[in-house]
Each structure stands twice: as structure tokens, then as C-alpha cells.
């Protein structure tokens, strides 16, 4: 059953009832740990510095982006537990660090390379703009190439949006297999995920206006909605709801009564 974005968001809100405090903790870990790791390198940055120091900064920045990827995988694991009506634990954020991190690191590197390739048209447009005569044609060319990169990046993100979910679910599968499976599963679902992304834009604007504080509510909501989309695509969401309804009919305590 392909549930609408509105329905998936309703289920997400229901799942997060009583879970927002621990969900905020997961988001804080996702934001603060990479920030703390990057801060010493950012403080050493200045307008005039040796080329070696600049290289070290960018290497450190890349490594920190991989740490962020591992943390993001942990947050996804955390939200899959909530989506399945299972009790989450804050330590789940570090799941990928303790369970074959090499697989997740390789996935992060490959996805980064795909994003870099998608950004090539924009980089080419910037290069041509600076080495050729400045004109209206040069500006139009830059805008077209930049727009092409935006479309390619969006396409890559949509194609491989389920890669981490599949790697978490199937520890025996390889990274390439997860990428391939994500591509197959997203056929017919790319528009759904894209629509879901746009449905959160207003909340992201409000989060920015709140000096980022709003993200403590918005990001758990978005992570949980995407987890529900994944379970809906795999067909598991139906069985989860059936089990929940059956337990309520039998008078068994619901998931939220354990919180």
C-alpha cells in the first residue's frame, strides 16, 4: 500500500508521541559531535596560511563528513526502531561505529563521489565564467550548468536514498548491492520522496528563523517520516499496524505505555 505523504507524517507524529526528548538527544549528537571535531581545525583557518595547512583542513573536513555519515546511519537505525514500535536507546546513534563501520564508510565515500560527479557541470560553469569574457551569455551558461548539477544531485540523492536502510537491515549485503537495490526500490517512489522533501521546506524555514532551535523538532519528524516511507515501500508498515491494532484489541499495553 502506497500511503500518502500526509498519512506517513501522521504516523510519524503518532510514533514520536512521548519520544521527542530522546529523539532530540539523537539529533544533538548528530550535530554537536561533528561540530566539536571540526572546531579546532576551523579556528586555525585564516585568510593567509601555508598550502599544507589548507590541505590538512580539507582532509580533516572529509574525515569529519564520514563521521557524520556514520552518525546519520545510527540516527536512521534509531528511527527504524521507533517506526517498528520498539523502544529506542540513545546509544543506537553509534550503531554504525560498532557494526562493520568499513561498510558504511565505503558507502559514504561512494555516495560522496557520485555527488562530486553530479556537481561537475556547476564546477565547469564556474571555471568557464572566470576564464572567459564576462557577458550575459557567460552568466546564462553558468546558471544552466548550475541548474543541471542541482538536478543531477537531486537525482542521485533520490536514487540511493534507501542505501543506508538496506545496509542496516541486511548486514550480509555488500555496498554495491545495497546501492543497486536502492535504485530498484526507488523506481516509482522518487516522486513520493521528493514531495515529502518539499512538504518539510516550510518547517525548515521556520527552524532557520528560530536560530536552528526548531530543528530539534523538525529533524526527528523528518527522519521518522522517511523511516515510515521505507517501511511502506517494503510492505512492512502494514504488518506493523496490524500487530498494533491486534494488541490493542486484546488489551495489551501499547508501545507508548512503556515510555
C-alpha atoms as a PDB file:
ATOM      1  CA  UNK A   1       0.000   0.000   0.000  1.00  0.00           C
ATOM      2  CA  UNK A   2       1.448   3.342  -1.095  1.00  0.00           C
ATOM      3  CA  UNK A   3       0.484   5.709   1.676  1.00  0.00           C
ATOM      4  CA  UNK A   4       0.329   9.423   1.022  1.00  0.00           C
ATOM      5  CA  UNK A   5       2.888  11.802   2.459  1.00  0.00           C
ATOM      6  CA  UNK A   6       0.168  13.187   4.735  1.00  0.00           C
ATOM      7  CA  UNK A   7      -0.522   9.713   6.132  1.00  0.00           C
ATOM      8  CA  UNK A   8       3.171   8.915   6.630  1.00  0.00           C
ATOM      9  CA  UNK A   9       3.624  12.173   8.514  1.00  0.00           C
ATOM     10  CA  UNK A  10       0.595  11.423  10.669  1.00  0.00           C
ATOM     11  CA  UNK A  11       2.073   8.042  11.594  1.00  0.00           C
ATOM     12  CA  UNK A  12       5.413   9.748  12.306  1.00  0.00           C
ATOM     13  CA  UNK A  13       3.770  12.188  14.722  1.00  0.00           C
ATOM     14  CA  UNK A  14       1.976   9.309  16.423  1.00  0.00           C
ATOM     15  CA  UNK A  15       5.196   7.292  16.736  1.00  0.00           C
ATOM     16  CA  UNK A  16       7.084  10.256  18.181  1.00  0.00           C
ATOM     17  CA  UNK A  17       4.497  10.834  20.887  1.00  0.00           C
ATOM     18  CA  UNK A  18       6.445  10.650  24.139  1.00  0.00           C
ATOM     19  CA  UNK A  19       9.667  10.057  22.201  1.00  0.00           C
ATOM     20  CA  UNK A  20      10.682  13.590  21.346  1.00  0.00           C
ATOM     21  CA  UNK A  21      13.086  14.038  24.250  1.00  0.00           C
ATOM     22  CA  UNK A  22      15.280  11.071  23.322  1.00  0.00           C
ATOM     23  CA  UNK A  23      14.886  11.900  19.612  1.00  0.00           C
ATOM     24  CA  UNK A  24      16.211  15.387  20.283  1.00  0.00           C
ATOM     25  CA  UNK A  25      19.189  13.811  22.042  1.00  0.00           C
ATOM     26  CA  UNK A  26      19.954  11.812  18.893  1.00  0.00           C
ATOM     27  CA  UNK A  27      19.782  14.963  16.755  1.00  0.00           C
ATOM     28  CA  UNK A  28      22.025  16.848  19.187  1.00  0.00           C
ATOM     29  CA  UNK A  29      24.603  14.054  18.974  1.00  0.00           C
ATOM     30  CA  UNK A  30      24.415  14.187  15.175  1.00  0.00           C
ATOM     31  CA  UNK A  31      25.080  17.926  15.205  1.00  0.00           C
ATOM     32  CA  UNK A  32      27.404  18.501  18.152  1.00  0.00           C
ATOM     33  CA  UNK A  33      29.919  15.669  17.662  1.00  0.00           C
ATOM     34  CA  UNK A  34      30.986  16.681  14.105  1.00  0.00           C
ATOM     35  CA  UNK A  35      30.954  20.351  15.149  1.00  0.00           C
ATOM     36  CA  UNK A  36      33.247  19.649  18.108  1.00  0.00           C
ATOM     37  CA  UNK A  37      35.576  17.652  15.854  1.00  0.00           C
ATOM     38  CA  UNK A  38      35.720  20.405  13.239  1.00  0.00           C
ATOM     39  CA  UNK A  39      36.057  23.381  15.594  1.00  0.00           C
ATOM     40  CA  UNK A  40      39.842  23.077  16.244  1.00  0.00           C
ATOM     41  CA  UNK A  41      40.555  22.986  12.501  1.00  0.00           C
ATOM     42  CA  UNK A  42      38.215  25.918  11.777  1.00  0.00           C
ATOM     43  CA  UNK A  43      39.905  28.017  14.456  1.00  0.00           C
ATOM     44  CA  UNK A  44      43.267  27.516  12.723  1.00  0.00           C
ATOM     45  CA  UNK A  45      41.890  28.745   9.404  1.00  0.00           C
ATOM     46  CA  UNK A  46      42.773  32.253   8.285  1.00  0.00           C
ATOM     47  CA  UNK A  47      42.927  34.220   5.060  1.00  0.00           C
ATOM     48  CA  UNK A  48      46.676  33.678   4.596  1.00  0.00           C
ATOM     49  CA  UNK A  49      48.084  30.277   5.527  1.00  0.00           C
ATOM     50  CA  UNK A  50      50.505  27.653   4.186  1.00  0.00           C
ATOM     51  CA  UNK A  51      49.202  25.314   1.494  1.00  0.00           C
ATOM     52  CA  UNK A  52      49.983  22.354   3.757  1.00  0.00           C
ATOM     53  CA  UNK A  53      47.653  23.667   6.443  1.00  0.00           C
ATOM     54  CA  UNK A  54      44.893  24.138   3.885  1.00  0.00           C
ATOM     55  CA  UNK A  55      45.305  20.554   2.666  1.00  0.00           C
ATOM     56  CA  UNK A  56      45.147  19.262   6.240  1.00  0.00           C
ATOM     57  CA  UNK A  57      41.953  21.252   6.805  1.00  0.00           C
ATOM     58  CA  UNK A  58      40.211  19.737   3.780  1.00  0.00           C
ATOM     59  CA  UNK A  59      41.363  16.217   4.658  1.00  0.00           C
ATOM     60  CA  UNK A  60      40.019  16.717   8.182  1.00  0.00           C
ATOM     61  CA  UNK A  61      36.782  18.099   6.758  1.00  0.00           C
ATOM     62  CA  UNK A  62      36.358  14.997   4.589  1.00  0.00           C
ATOM     63  CA  UNK A  63      37.039  12.648   7.511  1.00  0.00           C
ATOM     64  CA  UNK A  64      34.541  14.542   9.670  1.00  0.00           C
ATOM     65  CA  UNK A  65      31.948  14.205   6.899  1.00  0.00           C
ATOM     66  CA  UNK A  66      32.446  10.414   7.101  1.00  0.00           C
ATOM     67  CA  UNK A  67      31.950  10.547  10.874  1.00  0.00           C
ATOM     68  CA  UNK A  68      28.727  12.462  10.230  1.00  0.00           C
ATOM     69  CA  UNK A  69      27.667   9.756   7.772  1.00  0.00           C
ATOM     70  CA  UNK A  70      28.216   7.072  10.430  1.00  0.00           C
ATOM     71  CA  UNK A  71      26.201   9.088  12.942  1.00  0.00           C
ATOM     72  CA  UNK A  72      23.422   9.588  10.380  1.00  0.00           C
ATOM     73  CA  UNK A  73      23.276   5.816   9.874  1.00  0.00           C
ATOM     74  CA  UNK A  74      22.881   5.459  13.648  1.00  0.00           C
ATOM     75  CA  UNK A  75      20.060   8.002  13.718  1.00  0.00           C
ATOM     76  CA  UNK A  76      18.307   6.083  10.925  1.00  0.00           C
ATOM     77  CA  UNK A  77      18.723   2.859  12.939  1.00  0.00           C
ATOM     78  CA  UNK A  78      17.279   4.698  15.958  1.00  0.00           C
ATOM     79  CA  UNK A  79      14.226   5.845  13.982  1.00  0.00           C
ATOM     80  CA  UNK A  80      13.621   2.430  12.444  1.00  0.00           C
ATOM     81  CA  UNK A  81      13.168   1.129  15.993  1.00  0.00           C
ATOM     82  CA  UNK A  82      10.622   3.842  16.735  1.00  0.00           C
ATOM     83  CA  UNK A  83       8.811   3.186  13.441  1.00  0.00           C
ATOM     84  CA  UNK A  84       8.556  -0.506  14.388  1.00  0.00           C
ATOM     85  CA  UNK A  85       7.107   0.420  17.808  1.00  0.00           C
ATOM     86  CA  UNK A  86      10.284  -0.798  19.507  1.00  0.00           C
ATOM     87  CA  UNK A  87      11.866   1.070  22.384  1.00  0.00           C
ATOM     88  CA  UNK A  88      14.848   3.155  21.182  1.00  0.00           C
ATOM     89  CA  UNK A  89      18.084   3.887  23.047  1.00  0.00           C
ATOM     90  CA  UNK A  90      20.311   6.915  22.592  1.00  0.00           C
ATOM     91  CA  UNK A  91      23.348   4.651  22.166  1.00  0.00           C
ATOM     92  CA  UNK A  92      21.892   3.478  18.857  1.00  0.00           C
ATOM     93  CA  UNK A  93      23.299   6.656  17.319  1.00  0.00           C
ATOM     94  CA  UNK A  94      26.715   4.958  17.467  1.00  0.00           C
ATOM     95  CA  UNK A  95      25.495   1.688  15.931  1.00  0.00           C
ATOM     96  CA  UNK A  96      27.482   2.082  12.692  1.00  0.00           C
ATOM     97  CA  UNK A  97      30.721   2.701  14.608  1.00  0.00           C
ATOM     98  CA  UNK A  98      30.439  -0.718  16.259  1.00  0.00           C
ATOM     99  CA  UNK A  99      28.974  -2.846  13.466  1.00  0.00           C
ATOM    100  CA  UNK A 100      31.270  -3.108  10.447  1.00  0.00           C
ATOM    101  CA  UNK A 101      31.927   0.635  10.087  1.00  0.00           C
ATOM    102  CA  UNK A 102      34.039  -0.117   6.998  1.00  0.00           C
ATOM    103  CA  UNK A 103      30.840  -0.930   5.068  1.00  0.00           C
ATOM    104  CA  UNK A 104      29.234   2.382   5.982  1.00  0.00           C
ATOM    105  CA  UNK A 105      32.446   4.307   5.336  1.00  0.00           C
ATOM    106  CA  UNK A 106      32.714   2.771   1.863  1.00  0.00           C
ATOM    107  CA  UNK A 107      29.077   3.668   1.196  1.00  0.00           C
ATOM    108  CA  UNK A 108      29.743   7.228   2.355  1.00  0.00           C
ATOM    109  CA  UNK A 109      32.779   7.523   0.084  1.00  0.00           C
ATOM    110  CA  UNK A 110      30.939   6.134  -2.960  1.00  0.00           C
ATOM    111  CA  UNK A 111      27.921   8.377  -2.411  1.00  0.00           C
ATOM    112  CA  UNK A 112      30.235  11.371  -1.989  1.00  0.00           C
ATOM    113  CA  UNK A 113      31.963  10.523  -5.279  1.00  0.00           C
ATOM    114  CA  UNK A 114      28.592  10.318  -7.024  1.00  0.00           C
ATOM    115  CA  UNK A 115      27.671  13.731  -5.622  1.00  0.00           C
ATOM    116  CA  UNK A 116      31.022  15.151  -6.772  1.00  0.00           C
ATOM    117  CA  UNK A 117      30.421  13.811 -10.279  1.00  0.00           C
ATOM    118  CA  UNK A 118      26.944  15.347 -10.252  1.00  0.00           C
ATOM    119  CA  UNK A 119      28.492  18.702  -9.316  1.00  0.00           C
ATOM    120  CA  UNK A 120      30.939  18.668 -12.250  1.00  0.00           C
ATOM    121  CA  UNK A 121      28.689  20.762 -14.576  1.00  0.00           C
ATOM    122  CA  UNK A 122      28.448  23.541 -11.964  1.00  0.00           C
ATOM    123  CA  UNK A 123      32.217  23.474 -11.398  1.00  0.00           C
ATOM    124  CA  UNK A 124      32.753  23.648 -15.162  1.00  0.00           C
ATOM    125  CA  UNK A 125      30.361  26.576 -15.401  1.00  0.00           C
ATOM    126  CA  UNK A 126      32.229  28.483 -12.685  1.00  0.00           C
ATOM    127  CA  UNK A 127      35.568  27.761 -14.367  1.00  0.00           C
ATOM    128  CA  UNK A 128      34.336  28.925 -17.770  1.00  0.00           C
ATOM    129  CA  UNK A 129      32.845  32.049 -16.217  1.00  0.00           C
ATOM    130  CA  UNK A 130      36.203  33.124 -14.785  1.00  0.00           C
ATOM    131  CA  UNK A 131      38.413  32.202 -17.758  1.00  0.00           C
ATOM    132  CA  UNK A 132      36.179  33.630 -20.495  1.00  0.00           C
ATOM    133  CA  UNK A 133      34.873  37.101 -21.175  1.00  0.00           C
ATOM    134  CA  UNK A 134      32.181  38.196 -18.754  1.00  0.00           C
ATOM    135  CA  UNK A 135      28.926  38.539 -20.659  1.00  0.00           C
ATOM    136  CA  UNK A 136      25.232  37.785 -20.480  1.00  0.00           C
ATOM    137  CA  UNK A 137      25.922  34.554 -22.362  1.00  0.00           C
ATOM    138  CA  UNK A 138      28.522  33.547 -19.735  1.00  0.00           C
ATOM    139  CA  UNK A 139      26.024  34.183 -16.927  1.00  0.00           C
ATOM    140  CA  UNK A 140      23.286  32.207 -18.707  1.00  0.00           C
ATOM    141  CA  UNK A 141      25.703  29.327 -19.289  1.00  0.00           C
ATOM    142  CA  UNK A 142      26.700  29.376 -15.619  1.00  0.00           C
ATOM    143  CA  UNK A 143      23.071  29.309 -14.488  1.00  0.00           C
ATOM    144  CA  UNK A 144      22.194  26.442 -16.856  1.00  0.00           C
ATOM    145  CA  UNK A 145      25.176  24.322 -15.779  1.00  0.00           C
ATOM    146  CA  UNK A 146      24.487  25.039 -12.097  1.00  0.00           C
ATOM    147  CA  UNK A 147      20.832  24.056 -12.543  1.00  0.00           C
ATOM    148  CA  UNK A 148      21.938  20.857 -14.284  1.00  0.00           C
ATOM    149  CA  UNK A 149      24.128  19.981 -11.295  1.00  0.00           C
ATOM    150  CA  UNK A 150      21.251  20.631  -8.890  1.00  0.00           C
ATOM    151  CA  UNK A 151      19.053  18.235 -10.882  1.00  0.00           C
ATOM    152  CA  UNK A 152      21.787  15.590 -11.033  1.00  0.00           C
ATOM    153  CA  UNK A 153      22.487  15.860  -7.287  1.00  0.00           C
ATOM    154  CA  UNK A 154      18.768  15.564  -6.514  1.00  0.00           C
ATOM    155  CA  UNK A 155      18.541  12.528  -8.812  1.00  0.00           C
ATOM    156  CA  UNK A 156      21.497  10.819  -7.081  1.00  0.00           C
ATOM    157  CA  UNK A 157      20.029  11.500  -3.643  1.00  0.00           C
ATOM    158  CA  UNK A 158      16.636  10.114  -4.651  1.00  0.00           C
ATOM    159  CA  UNK A 159      18.101   7.049  -6.381  1.00  0.00           C
ATOM    160  CA  UNK A 160      20.197   5.986  -3.420  1.00  0.00           C
ATOM    161  CA  UNK A 161      18.068   7.294  -0.545  1.00  0.00           C
ATOM    162  CA  UNK A 162      17.472   3.787   0.849  1.00  0.00           C
ATOM    163  CA  UNK A 163      21.096   2.591   0.720  1.00  0.00           C
ATOM    164  CA  UNK A 164      21.787   3.031   4.445  1.00  0.00           C
ATOM    165  CA  UNK A 165      18.417   1.498   5.388  1.00  0.00           C
ATOM    166  CA  UNK A 166      19.243  -1.603   3.343  1.00  0.00           C
ATOM    167  CA  UNK A 167      22.730  -1.880   4.829  1.00  0.00           C
ATOM    168  CA  UNK A 168      21.275  -1.664   8.337  1.00  0.00           C
ATOM    169  CA  UNK A 169      18.655  -4.289   7.549  1.00  0.00           C
ATOM    170  CA  UNK A 170      20.936  -6.707   5.695  1.00  0.00           C
ATOM    171  CA  UNK A 171      24.338  -6.888   7.339  1.00  0.00           C
ATOM    172  CA  UNK A 172      25.451  -9.569   4.884  1.00  0.00           C
ATOM    173  CA  UNK A 173      24.864  -7.465   1.763  1.00  0.00           C
ATOM    174  CA  UNK A 174      27.656  -5.519   0.107  1.00  0.00           C
ATOM    175  CA  UNK A 175      27.656  -1.788  -0.521  1.00  0.00           C
ATOM    176  CA  UNK A 176      27.257  -2.128  -4.293  1.00  0.00           C
ATOM    177  CA  UNK A 177      24.338  -4.493  -3.783  1.00  0.00           C
ATOM    178  CA  UNK A 178      22.677  -2.005  -1.419  1.00  0.00           C
ATOM    179  CA  UNK A 179      23.146   0.805  -3.953  1.00  0.00           C
ATOM    180  CA  UNK A 180      21.685  -1.344  -6.717  1.00  0.00           C
ATOM    181  CA  UNK A 181      18.724  -2.449  -4.590  1.00  0.00           C
ATOM    182  CA  UNK A 182      18.012   1.136  -3.511  1.00  0.00           C
ATOM    183  CA  UNK A 183      17.927   2.190  -7.158  1.00  0.00           C
ATOM    184  CA  UNK A 184      15.413  -0.565  -7.953  1.00  0.00           C
ATOM    185  CA  UNK A 185      13.229   0.147  -4.920  1.00  0.00           C
ATOM    186  CA  UNK A 186      13.078   3.869  -5.642  1.00  0.00           C
ATOM    187  CA  UNK A 187      11.633   3.327  -9.117  1.00  0.00           C
ATOM    188  CA  UNK A 188       8.124   4.678  -8.811  1.00  0.00           C
ATOM    189  CA  UNK A 189       8.902   6.164  -5.391  1.00  0.00           C
ATOM    190  CA  UNK A 190      11.210   9.033  -6.287  1.00  0.00           C
ATOM    191  CA  UNK A 191       8.295  11.449  -6.650  1.00  0.00           C
ATOM    192  CA  UNK A 192       6.976  10.401  -3.246  1.00  0.00           C
ATOM    193  CA  UNK A 193      10.282  11.164  -1.535  1.00  0.00           C
ATOM    194  CA  UNK A 194      10.686  14.409  -3.468  1.00  0.00           C
ATOM    195  CA  UNK A 195       7.183  15.520  -2.486  1.00  0.00           C
ATOM    196  CA  UNK A 196       7.975  14.615   1.121  1.00  0.00           C
ATOM    197  CA  UNK A 197      11.115  16.770   0.978  1.00  0.00           C
ATOM    198  CA  UNK A 198       9.167  19.793  -0.296  1.00  0.00           C
ATOM    199  CA  UNK A 199       6.487  19.252   2.354  1.00  0.00           C
ATOM    200  CA  UNK A 200       9.113  19.977   5.035  1.00  0.00           C
ATOM    201  CA  UNK A 201      10.516  23.141   3.432  1.00  0.00           C
ATOM    202  CA  UNK A 202       8.233  25.464   5.416  1.00  0.00           C
ATOM    203  CA  UNK A 203       9.310  23.846   8.681  1.00  0.00           C
ATOM    204  CA  UNK A 204      12.959  24.198   7.672  1.00  0.00           C
ATOM    205  CA  UNK A 205      12.447  27.910   7.052  1.00  0.00           C
ATOM    206  CA  UNK A 206      10.882  28.291  10.490  1.00  0.00           C
ATOM    207  CA  UNK A 207      13.786  26.340  12.006  1.00  0.00           C
ATOM    208  CA  UNK A 208      16.295  28.720  10.433  1.00  0.00           C
ATOM    209  CA  UNK A 209      14.314  31.704  11.718  1.00  0.00           C
ATOM    210  CA  UNK A 210      14.405  30.172  15.206  1.00  0.00           C
ATOM    211  CA  UNK A 211      18.226  30.182  15.095  1.00  0.00           C
ATOM    212  CA  UNK A 212      18.206  26.429  14.484  1.00  0.00           C
ATOM    213  CA  UNK A 213      16.319  25.504  17.654  1.00  0.00           C
ATOM    214  CA  UNK A 214      13.339  24.317  15.614  1.00  0.00           C
ATOM    215  CA  UNK A 215      15.450  21.569  14.075  1.00  0.00           C
ATOM    216  CA  UNK A 216      15.258  19.692  17.380  1.00  0.00           C
ATOM    217  CA  UNK A 217      11.602  19.051  16.492  1.00  0.00           C
ATOM    218  CA  UNK A 218      11.718  19.111  12.706  1.00  0.00           C
ATOM    219  CA  UNK A 219      14.596  16.673  12.080  1.00  0.00           C
ATOM    220  CA  UNK A 220      13.178  13.828  14.238  1.00  0.00           C
ATOM    221  CA  UNK A 221       9.856  14.371  12.452  1.00  0.00           C
ATOM    222  CA  UNK A 222      11.560  14.159   9.045  1.00  0.00           C
ATOM    223  CA  UNK A 223      13.749  11.161   9.944  1.00  0.00           C
ATOM    224  CA  UNK A 224      10.693   9.318  11.272  1.00  0.00           C
ATOM    225  CA  UNK A 225       8.605  10.118   8.183  1.00  0.00           C
ATOM    226  CA  UNK A 226      11.354   8.782   5.910  1.00  0.00           C
ATOM    227  CA  UNK A 227      11.634   5.629   8.040  1.00  0.00           C
ATOM    228  CA  UNK A 228       7.891   5.131   7.565  1.00  0.00           C
ATOM    229  CA  UNK A 229       8.295   5.635   3.812  1.00  0.00           C
ATOM    230  CA  UNK A 230      10.962   2.913   3.731  1.00  0.00           C
ATOM    231  CA  UNK A 231       8.729   0.513   5.684  1.00  0.00           C
ATOM    232  CA  UNK A 232       5.808   1.385   3.409  1.00  0.00           C
ATOM    233  CA  UNK A 233       7.880   0.595   0.309  1.00  0.00           C
ATOM    234  CA  UNK A 234       8.950  -2.769   1.760  1.00  0.00           C
ATOM    235  CA  UNK A 235       5.380  -3.542   2.831  1.00  0.00           C
ATOM    236  CA  UNK A 236       6.290  -3.870   6.496  1.00  0.00           C
ATOM    237  CA  UNK A 237       4.280  -0.875   7.615  1.00  0.00           C
ATOM    238  CA  UNK A 238       1.030  -2.779   7.049  1.00  0.00           C
ATOM    239  CA  UNK A 239       2.087  -5.649   9.306  1.00  0.00           C
ATOM    240  CA  UNK A 240       3.277  -3.222  11.994  1.00  0.00           C
ATOM    241  CA  UNK A 241      -0.118  -1.514  12.045  1.00  0.00           C
ATOM    242  CA  UNK A 242      -1.910  -4.885  12.061  1.00  0.00           C
ATOM    243  CA  UNK A 243       0.122  -6.043  15.073  1.00  0.00           C
ATOM    244  CA  UNK A 244      -0.534  -2.752  16.831  1.00  0.00           C
ATOM    245  CA  UNK A 245      -4.280  -2.975  16.213  1.00  0.00           C
ATOM    246  CA  UNK A 246      -4.355  -6.634  17.313  1.00  0.00           C
ATOM    247  CA  UNK A 247      -2.507  -5.880  20.567  1.00  0.00           C
ATOM    248  CA  UNK A 248      -4.913  -3.027  21.336  1.00  0.00           C
ATOM    249  CA  UNK A 249      -7.923  -5.254  20.690  1.00  0.00           C
ATOM    250  CA  UNK A 250      -6.502  -7.878  23.064  1.00  0.00           C
ATOM    251  CA  UNK A 251      -5.971  -5.243  25.720  1.00  0.00           C
ATOM    252  CA  UNK A 252      -2.183  -5.486  25.638  1.00  0.00           C
ATOM    253  CA  UNK A 253      -0.219  -2.344  26.518  1.00  0.00           C
ATOM    254  CA  UNK A 254       0.739  -0.255  23.510  1.00  0.00           C
ATOM    255  CA  UNK A 255       4.243   0.860  22.635  1.00  0.00           C
ATOM    256  CA  UNK A 256       3.718   4.319  24.129  1.00  0.00           C
ATOM    257  CA  UNK A 257       2.671   2.934  27.520  1.00  0.00           C
ATOM    258  CA  UNK A 258       6.237   1.705  28.033  1.00  0.00           C
ATOM    259  CA  UNK A 259       7.681   5.194  27.618  1.00  0.00           C
END
